Amino acid sequence: MTPDTGEIDFPLITSTAVEALKKSGPSVLMTHSQGGVPGWMIGSASDDVTAIIAIEPGAFVFPKEEVPEKIVTKYPMAIEGIPVSDDDYVSLIKKPIVVYFGDNIPSEPSKVPAWDFWRGSEGAEYYFDYKRGAAVNRVEFVSWSQLDWQEFHPTEIVKDLKQPYLMICGENAFTRPGAEVMFKNAGSENKKLVIIPKARHFDLYDGEDYVPTAIENITEFLQKNI
């Protein structure tokens, strides 16, 4: 990681990446932090981007008429949405998108500027309702078209699920309330809910104290049911 040493030219970054993708072919674009901003633009501009994985992106894009209010934190810069044309926005959100934030980002204002920046970047004010651990409006990025989001009700859809069903969730994961509702509603006769003690949501991806337990449960479930 190096500090910025000059002007950040997003159009240049975008056009360069688009040309590179023409040579590499269809790809899943993974971005991190400040790279999330050009990632949205590249995803919109290139048909070779088949999906986007954004890890703690610093900002999000919005249709010009739907940019939320600035989020002021103790960091020198306010958190701002980036306006784009309706066409560019629709081109982007038709693609599968998943966004990851760490569970250790404070949900309340912090005296540490960098921590407060990520509280604002995560967008607690208009992305998530932490009490419910679920999206409260249509600006949450999900892994399908946002155009269909309002008509998508996963807790109802799983009632028709008949296949063997394994749900693994961290004890302290913000996703746990939704996971437990999904499990309860699942129509599968053969289903299992595993709560990993002390684990948060992202710990099940890279937490060395928790991943082995998750893998053991997955392996055992597959051996019994596949």
C-alpha atoms as a PDB file:
ATOM      1  CA  MET A   1       0.000   0.000   0.000  1.00  0.00           C
ATOM      2  CA  THR A   2       1.353   3.434  -0.901  1.00  0.00           C
ATOM      3  CA  PRO A   3      -0.144   6.902  -0.358  1.00  0.00           C
ATOM      4  CA  ASP A   4      -1.568   8.849  -3.267  1.00  0.00           C
ATOM      5  CA  THR A   5       1.224  10.756  -4.970  1.00  0.00           C
ATOM      6  CA  GLY A   6      -0.793  12.421  -7.709  1.00  0.00           C
ATOM      7  CA  GLU A   7      -4.225  12.979  -9.139  1.00  0.00           C
ATOM      8  CA  ILE A   8      -6.450   9.906  -9.311  1.00  0.00           C
ATOM      9  CA  ASP A   9      -7.715   9.690 -12.880  1.00  0.00           C
ATOM     10  CA  PHE A  10     -10.749   7.410 -12.694  1.00  0.00           C
ATOM     11  CA  PRO A  11     -11.587   7.639 -16.433  1.00  0.00           C
ATOM     12  CA  LEU A  12      -8.005   6.607 -17.272  1.00  0.00           C
ATOM     13  CA  ILE A  13      -8.077   3.745 -14.764  1.00  0.00           C
ATOM     14  CA  THR A  14     -11.418   2.600 -16.164  1.00  0.00           C
ATOM     15  CA  SER A  15     -10.458   2.734 -19.836  1.00  0.00           C
ATOM     16  CA  THR A  16      -7.143   0.974 -19.161  1.00  0.00           C
ATOM     17  CA  ALA A  17      -8.824  -1.838 -17.260  1.00  0.00           C
ATOM     18  CA  VAL A  18     -11.494  -2.214 -19.945  1.00  0.00           C
ATOM     19  CA  GLU A  19      -8.786  -2.652 -22.586  1.00  0.00           C
ATOM     20  CA  ALA A  20      -6.967  -5.200 -20.423  1.00  0.00           C
ATOM     21  CA  LEU A  21     -10.202  -7.149 -19.962  1.00  0.00           C
ATOM     22  CA  LYS A  22     -10.639  -7.320 -23.729  1.00  0.00           C
ATOM     23  CA  LYS A  23      -7.418  -9.332 -23.794  1.00  0.00           C
ATOM     24  CA  SER A  24      -8.048 -11.453 -20.703  1.00  0.00           C
ATOM     25  CA  GLY A  25     -11.680 -12.204 -21.463  1.00  0.00           C
ATOM     26  CA  PRO A  26     -14.640 -12.630 -19.086  1.00  0.00           C
ATOM     27  CA  SER A  27     -13.527 -12.158 -15.482  1.00  0.00           C
ATOM     28  CA  VAL A  28     -14.797 -11.702 -11.943  1.00  0.00           C
ATOM     29  CA  LEU A  29     -13.516  -8.318 -10.762  1.00  0.00           C
ATOM     30  CA  MET A  30     -12.313  -8.152  -7.146  1.00  0.00           C
ATOM     31  CA  THR A  31     -11.687  -4.729  -5.614  1.00  0.00           C
ATOM     32  CA  HIS A  32     -10.523  -3.452  -2.236  1.00  0.00           C
ATOM     33  CA  SER A  33     -10.876  -0.153  -0.391  1.00  0.00           C
ATOM     34  CA  GLN A  34     -10.188   2.845  -2.647  1.00  0.00           C
ATOM     35  CA  GLY A  35     -10.117   0.490  -5.622  1.00  0.00           C
ATOM     36  CA  GLY A  36     -13.830  -0.049  -5.137  1.00  0.00           C
ATOM     37  CA  VAL A  37     -14.666   3.247  -6.832  1.00  0.00           C
ATOM     38  CA  PRO A  38     -13.048   2.498 -10.219  1.00  0.00           C
ATOM     39  CA  GLY A  39     -14.328  -1.045  -9.788  1.00  0.00           C
ATOM     40  CA  TRP A  40     -17.925   0.159 -10.075  1.00  0.00           C
ATOM     41  CA  MET A  41     -17.006   2.169 -13.161  1.00  0.00           C
ATOM     42  CA  ILE A  42     -15.116  -0.707 -14.778  1.00  0.00           C
ATOM     43  CA  GLY A  43     -17.994  -3.073 -14.046  1.00  0.00           C
ATOM     44  CA  SER A  44     -20.404  -0.707 -15.722  1.00  0.00           C
ATOM     45  CA  ALA A  45     -18.193  -0.069 -18.749  1.00  0.00           C
ATOM     46  CA  SER A  46     -17.019  -3.603 -19.553  1.00  0.00           C
ATOM     47  CA  ASP A  47     -19.103  -6.564 -20.696  1.00  0.00           C
ATOM     48  CA  ASP A  48     -16.123  -8.744 -19.760  1.00  0.00           C
ATOM     49  CA  VAL A  49     -16.798  -8.123 -16.062  1.00  0.00           C
ATOM     50  CA  THR A  50     -19.151 -10.966 -15.193  1.00  0.00           C
ATOM     51  CA  ALA A  51     -19.422 -10.224 -11.450  1.00  0.00           C
ATOM     52  CA  ILE A  52     -17.888  -7.962  -8.807  1.00  0.00           C
ATOM     53  CA  ILE A  53     -16.521  -8.803  -5.362  1.00  0.00           C
ATOM     54  CA  ALA A  54     -15.931  -5.578  -3.427  1.00  0.00           C
ATOM     55  CA  ILE A  55     -14.048  -5.800  -0.132  1.00  0.00           C
ATOM     56  CA  GLU A  56     -14.681  -2.717   2.007  1.00  0.00           C
ATOM     57  CA  PRO A  57     -15.116  -0.272  -0.889  1.00  0.00           C
ATOM     58  CA  GLY A  58     -14.614   3.348   0.068  1.00  0.00           C
ATOM     59  CA  ALA A  59     -17.694   4.615  -1.756  1.00  0.00           C
ATOM     60  CA  PHE A  60     -20.679   3.563  -3.839  1.00  0.00           C
ATOM     61  CA  VAL A  61     -22.255   4.811  -7.041  1.00  0.00           C
ATOM     62  CA  PHE A  62     -25.880   5.935  -7.304  1.00  0.00           C
ATOM     63  CA  PRO A  63     -28.250   7.237  -9.978  1.00  0.00           C
ATOM     64  CA  LYS A  64     -27.839  10.999 -10.185  1.00  0.00           C
ATOM     65  CA  GLU A  65     -31.219  11.654  -8.589  1.00  0.00           C
ATOM     66  CA  GLU A  66     -30.722   9.187  -5.731  1.00  0.00           C
ATOM     67  CA  VAL A  67     -27.384  10.159  -4.199  1.00  0.00           C
ATOM     68  CA  PRO A  68     -27.745  10.052  -0.378  1.00  0.00           C
ATOM     69  CA  GLU A  69     -26.735  12.888   1.903  1.00  0.00           C
ATOM     70  CA  LYS A  70     -23.059  13.148   2.801  1.00  0.00           C
ATOM     71  CA  ILE A  71     -21.954  11.285   5.907  1.00  0.00           C
ATOM     72  CA  VAL A  72     -19.695  13.506   8.008  1.00  0.00           C
ATOM     73  CA  THR A  73     -17.249  11.692  10.271  1.00  0.00           C
ATOM     74  CA  LYS A  74     -14.109  12.666  12.160  1.00  0.00           C
ATOM     75  CA  TYR A  75     -12.110  11.783   9.056  1.00  0.00           C
ATOM     76  CA  PRO A  76     -11.035  14.880   7.043  1.00  0.00           C
ATOM     77  CA  MET A  77     -13.195  13.902   4.064  1.00  0.00           C
ATOM     78  CA  ALA A  78     -16.944  13.330   4.170  1.00  0.00           C
ATOM     79  CA  ILE A  79     -18.352  10.071   2.831  1.00  0.00           C
ATOM     80  CA  GLU A  80     -20.122  10.809  -0.445  1.00  0.00           C
ATOM     81  CA  GLY A  81     -22.031   8.744  -2.961  1.00  0.00           C
ATOM     82  CA  ILE A  82     -20.819   9.024  -6.548  1.00  0.00           C
ATOM     83  CA  PRO A  83     -23.453  10.078  -9.112  1.00  0.00           C
ATOM     84  CA  VAL A  84     -23.605   8.189 -12.410  1.00  0.00           C
ATOM     85  CA  SER A  85     -26.074   8.129 -15.272  1.00  0.00           C
ATOM     86  CA  ASP A  86     -29.114   5.874 -15.051  1.00  0.00           C
ATOM     87  CA  ASP A  87     -27.788   3.810 -17.965  1.00  0.00           C
ATOM     88  CA  ASP A  88     -24.420   3.264 -16.297  1.00  0.00           C
ATOM     89  CA  TYR A  89     -26.102   2.363 -13.023  1.00  0.00           C
ATOM     90  CA  VAL A  90     -28.430  -0.178 -14.616  1.00  0.00           C
ATOM     91  CA  SER A  91     -25.515  -1.661 -16.573  1.00  0.00           C
ATOM     92  CA  LEU A  92     -23.685  -2.206 -13.288  1.00  0.00           C
ATOM     93  CA  ILE A  93     -26.458  -3.619 -11.111  1.00  0.00           C
ATOM     94  CA  LYS A  94     -27.519  -6.217 -13.663  1.00  0.00           C
ATOM     95  CA  LYS A  95     -24.352  -8.068 -12.709  1.00  0.00           C
ATOM     96  CA  PRO A  96     -23.896 -10.212  -9.593  1.00  0.00           C
ATOM     97  CA  ILE A  97     -22.317  -8.087  -6.875  1.00  0.00           C
ATOM     98  CA  VAL A  98     -21.253  -8.979  -3.352  1.00  0.00           C
ATOM     99  CA  VAL A  99     -19.830  -6.509  -0.826  1.00  0.00           C
ATOM    100  CA  TYR A 100     -17.866  -7.494   2.272  1.00  0.00           C
ATOM    101  CA  PHE A 101     -17.223  -5.395   5.364  1.00  0.00           C
ATOM    102  CA  GLY A 102     -15.449  -6.549   8.502  1.00  0.00           C
ATOM    103  CA  ASP A 103     -17.554  -7.060  11.613  1.00  0.00           C
ATOM    104  CA  ASN A 104     -15.159  -4.949  13.692  1.00  0.00           C
ATOM    105  CA  ILE A 105     -16.195  -1.642  12.132  1.00  0.00           C
ATOM    106  CA  PRO A 106     -17.852   0.479  14.863  1.00  0.00           C
ATOM    107  CA  SER A 107     -21.564   1.121  14.511  1.00  0.00           C
ATOM    108  CA  GLU A 108     -21.347   4.226  16.722  1.00  0.00           C
ATOM    109  CA  PRO A 109     -19.197   7.358  16.228  1.00  0.00           C
ATOM    110  CA  SER A 110     -15.564   6.803  17.176  1.00  0.00           C
ATOM    111  CA  LYS A 111     -12.861   9.209  18.355  1.00  0.00           C
ATOM    112  CA  VAL A 112     -10.394   7.495  16.003  1.00  0.00           C
ATOM    113  CA  PRO A 113     -10.741   9.206  12.583  1.00  0.00           C
ATOM    114  CA  ALA A 114      -9.904   6.117  10.500  1.00  0.00           C
ATOM    115  CA  TRP A 115     -12.395   3.970  12.406  1.00  0.00           C
ATOM    116  CA  ASP A 116     -15.026   6.652  12.046  1.00  0.00           C
ATOM    117  CA  PHE A 117     -14.341   6.831   8.305  1.00  0.00           C
ATOM    118  CA  TRP A 118     -15.148   3.157   7.850  1.00  0.00           C
ATOM    119  CA  ARG A 119     -18.237   3.475  10.007  1.00  0.00           C
ATOM    120  CA  GLY A 120     -19.371   6.107   7.523  1.00  0.00           C
ATOM    121  CA  SER A 121     -18.162   4.166   4.497  1.00  0.00           C
ATOM    122  CA  GLU A 122     -20.093   1.129   5.564  1.00  0.00           C
ATOM    123  CA  GLY A 123     -23.050   3.444   5.475  1.00  0.00           C
ATOM    124  CA  ALA A 124     -24.798   2.484   8.695  1.00  0.00           C
ATOM    125  CA  GLU A 125     -27.130   5.430   8.253  1.00  0.00           C
ATOM    126  CA  TYR A 126     -28.632   4.254   4.986  1.00  0.00           C
ATOM    127  CA  TYR A 127     -27.325   0.782   4.149  1.00  0.00           C
ATOM    128  CA  PHE A 128     -28.019  -1.385   7.153  1.00  0.00           C
ATOM    129  CA  ASP A 129     -30.151  -1.526  10.253  1.00  0.00           C
ATOM    130  CA  TYR A 130     -27.733  -3.039  12.764  1.00  0.00           C
ATOM    131  CA  LYS A 131     -30.483  -3.965  15.199  1.00  0.00           C
ATOM    132  CA  ARG A 132     -32.016  -6.267  12.624  1.00  0.00           C
ATOM    133  CA  GLY A 133     -28.858  -7.144  10.735  1.00  0.00           C
ATOM    134  CA  ALA A 134     -30.706  -6.780   7.442  1.00  0.00           C
ATOM    135  CA  ALA A 135     -30.956  -4.377   4.550  1.00  0.00           C
ATOM    136  CA  VAL A 136     -33.563  -1.689   4.966  1.00  0.00           C
ATOM    137  CA  ASN A 137     -33.696  -0.262   1.469  1.00  0.00           C
ATOM    138  CA  ARG A 138     -32.874  -0.930  -2.122  1.00  0.00           C
ATOM    139  CA  VAL A 139     -29.355   0.487  -2.140  1.00  0.00           C
ATOM    140  CA  GLU A 140     -27.839  -2.638  -0.595  1.00  0.00           C
ATOM    141  CA  PHE A 141     -25.708  -4.469  -3.131  1.00  0.00           C
ATOM    142  CA  VAL A 142     -26.763  -8.089  -3.460  1.00  0.00           C
ATOM    143  CA  SER A 143     -25.679 -10.949  -5.673  1.00  0.00           C
ATOM    144  CA  TRP A 144     -28.375 -10.465  -8.303  1.00  0.00           C
ATOM    145  CA  SER A 145     -30.001  -7.606 -10.137  1.00  0.00           C
ATOM    146  CA  GLN A 146     -31.239  -4.870  -7.818  1.00  0.00           C
ATOM    147  CA  LEU A 147     -34.075  -4.368 -10.272  1.00  0.00           C
ATOM    148  CA  ASP A 148     -35.564  -7.615  -8.967  1.00  0.00           C
ATOM    149  CA  TRP A 149     -34.736  -7.021  -5.318  1.00  0.00           C
ATOM    150  CA  GLN A 150     -38.104  -5.610  -4.285  1.00  0.00           C
ATOM    151  CA  GLU A 151     -39.820  -8.760  -5.529  1.00  0.00           C
ATOM    152  CA  PHE A 152     -37.304 -11.151  -3.998  1.00  0.00           C
ATOM    153  CA  HIS A 153     -38.300 -12.716  -0.670  1.00  0.00           C
ATOM    154  CA  PRO A 154     -35.735 -15.394   0.249  1.00  0.00           C
ATOM    155  CA  THR A 155     -37.384 -16.297   3.553  1.00  0.00           C
ATOM    156  CA  GLU A 156     -40.491 -17.261   1.595  1.00  0.00           C
ATOM    157  CA  ILE A 157     -38.675 -18.958  -1.284  1.00  0.00           C
ATOM    158  CA  VAL A 158     -36.871 -21.391   1.036  1.00  0.00           C
ATOM    159  CA  LYS A 159     -40.224 -22.809   2.108  1.00  0.00           C
ATOM    160  CA  ASP A 160     -40.200 -24.703  -1.201  1.00  0.00           C
ATOM    161  CA  LEU A 161     -36.670 -26.036  -0.663  1.00  0.00           C
ATOM    162  CA  LYS A 162     -36.613 -29.859  -0.670  1.00  0.00           C
ATOM    163  CA  GLN A 163     -32.897 -30.628  -0.940  1.00  0.00           C
ATOM    164  CA  PRO A 164     -30.684 -31.388   2.094  1.00  0.00           C
ATOM    165  CA  TYR A 165     -29.906 -28.036   3.672  1.00  0.00           C
ATOM    166  CA  LEU A 166     -26.948 -27.032   5.860  1.00  0.00           C
ATOM    167  CA  MET A 167     -26.840 -23.563   7.410  1.00  0.00           C
ATOM    168  CA  ILE A 168     -23.604 -22.486   9.136  1.00  0.00           C
ATOM    169  CA  CYS A 169     -23.475 -19.177  10.972  1.00  0.00           C
ATOM    170  CA  GLY A 170     -21.223 -17.448  13.495  1.00  0.00           C
ATOM    171  CA  GLU A 171     -22.574 -16.953  17.010  1.00  0.00           C
ATOM    172  CA  ASN A 172     -21.807 -13.224  16.866  1.00  0.00           C
ATOM    173  CA  ALA A 173     -22.443 -12.692  13.141  1.00  0.00           C
ATOM    174  CA  PHE A 174     -24.652  -9.766  12.196  1.00  0.00           C
ATOM    175  CA  THR A 175     -26.289 -12.106   9.666  1.00  0.00           C
ATOM    176  CA  ARG A 176     -27.386 -14.580  12.338  1.00  0.00           C
ATOM    177  CA  PRO A 177     -30.988 -13.311  12.752  1.00  0.00           C
ATOM    178  CA  GLY A 178     -31.639 -13.694   9.034  1.00  0.00           C
ATOM    179  CA  ALA A 179     -29.870 -17.051   8.888  1.00  0.00           C
ATOM    180  CA  GLU A 180     -32.024 -18.454  11.675  1.00  0.00           C
ATOM    181  CA  VAL A 181     -35.222 -17.279   9.978  1.00  0.00           C
ATOM    182  CA  MET A 182     -34.072 -18.850   6.709  1.00  0.00           C
ATOM    183  CA  PHE A 183     -33.332 -22.129   8.461  1.00  0.00           C
ATOM    184  CA  LYS A 184     -36.649 -22.162  10.302  1.00  0.00           C
ATOM    185  CA  ASN A 185     -38.592 -21.534   7.081  1.00  0.00           C
ATOM    186  CA  ALA A 186     -36.668 -24.010   4.920  1.00  0.00           C
ATOM    187  CA  GLY A 187     -38.974 -26.787   3.725  1.00  0.00           C
ATOM    188  CA  SER A 188     -36.231 -29.428   3.673  1.00  0.00           C
ATOM    189  CA  GLU A 189     -36.917 -32.495   5.800  1.00  0.00           C
ATOM    190  CA  ASN A 190     -33.175 -33.019   6.141  1.00  0.00           C
ATOM    191  CA  LYS A 191     -31.691 -29.786   7.425  1.00  0.00           C
ATOM    192  CA  LYS A 192     -29.078 -28.809   9.983  1.00  0.00           C
ATOM    193  CA  LEU A 193     -28.203 -25.499  11.645  1.00  0.00           C
ATOM    194  CA  VAL A 194     -24.653 -25.083  12.954  1.00  0.00           C
ATOM    195  CA  ILE A 195     -23.748 -22.067  15.099  1.00  0.00           C
ATOM    196  CA  ILE A 196     -19.975 -21.626  15.427  1.00  0.00           C
ATOM    197  CA  PRO A 197     -19.242 -20.348  18.971  1.00  0.00           C
ATOM    198  CA  LYS A 198     -17.773 -16.817  19.237  1.00  0.00           C
ATOM    199  CA  ALA A 199     -17.412 -16.483  15.441  1.00  0.00           C
ATOM    200  CA  ARG A 200     -18.457 -13.370  13.582  1.00  0.00           C
ATOM    201  CA  HIS A 201     -19.643 -13.350   9.980  1.00  0.00           C
ATOM    202  CA  PHE A 202     -16.302 -12.965   8.221  1.00  0.00           C
ATOM    203  CA  ASP A 203     -14.494 -15.282  10.654  1.00  0.00           C
ATOM    204  CA  LEU A 204     -15.986 -18.236   8.801  1.00  0.00           C
ATOM    205  CA  TYR A 205     -14.033 -17.163   5.737  1.00  0.00           C
ATOM    206  CA  ASP A 206     -10.562 -16.589   7.167  1.00  0.00           C
ATOM    207  CA  GLY A 207     -10.621 -17.117  10.948  1.00  0.00           C
ATOM    208  CA  GLU A 208      -8.217 -19.961  11.666  1.00  0.00           C
ATOM    209  CA  ASP A 209     -10.004 -20.719  14.944  1.00  0.00           C
ATOM    210  CA  TYR A 210     -13.358 -21.161  13.216  1.00  0.00           C
ATOM    211  CA  VAL A 211     -12.875 -22.325   9.622  1.00  0.00           C
ATOM    212  CA  PRO A 212     -11.848 -25.917  10.555  1.00  0.00           C
ATOM    213  CA  THR A 213     -15.114 -26.400  12.462  1.00  0.00           C
ATOM    214  CA  ALA A 214     -17.109 -25.124   9.507  1.00  0.00           C
ATOM    215  CA  ILE A 215     -15.231 -27.417   7.097  1.00  0.00           C
ATOM    216  CA  GLU A 216     -15.763 -30.418   9.369  1.00  0.00           C
ATOM    217  CA  ASN A 217     -19.505 -29.812   9.411  1.00  0.00           C
ATOM    218  CA  ILE A 218     -19.645 -29.302   5.648  1.00  0.00           C
ATOM    219  CA  THR A 219     -17.659 -32.490   4.997  1.00  0.00           C
ATOM    220  CA  GLU A 220     -19.793 -34.553   7.355  1.00  0.00           C
ATOM    221  CA  PHE A 221     -23.024 -33.202   5.879  1.00  0.00           C
ATOM    222  CA  LEU A 222     -21.936 -33.884   2.297  1.00  0.00           C
ATOM    223  CA  GLN A 223     -20.787 -37.401   3.132  1.00  0.00           C
ATOM    224  CA  LYS A 224     -24.177 -38.208   4.622  1.00  0.00           C
ATOM    225  CA  ASN A 225     -26.322 -36.563   1.988  1.00  0.00           C
ATOM    226  CA  ILE A 226     -24.547 -36.585  -1.382  1.00  0.00           C
END
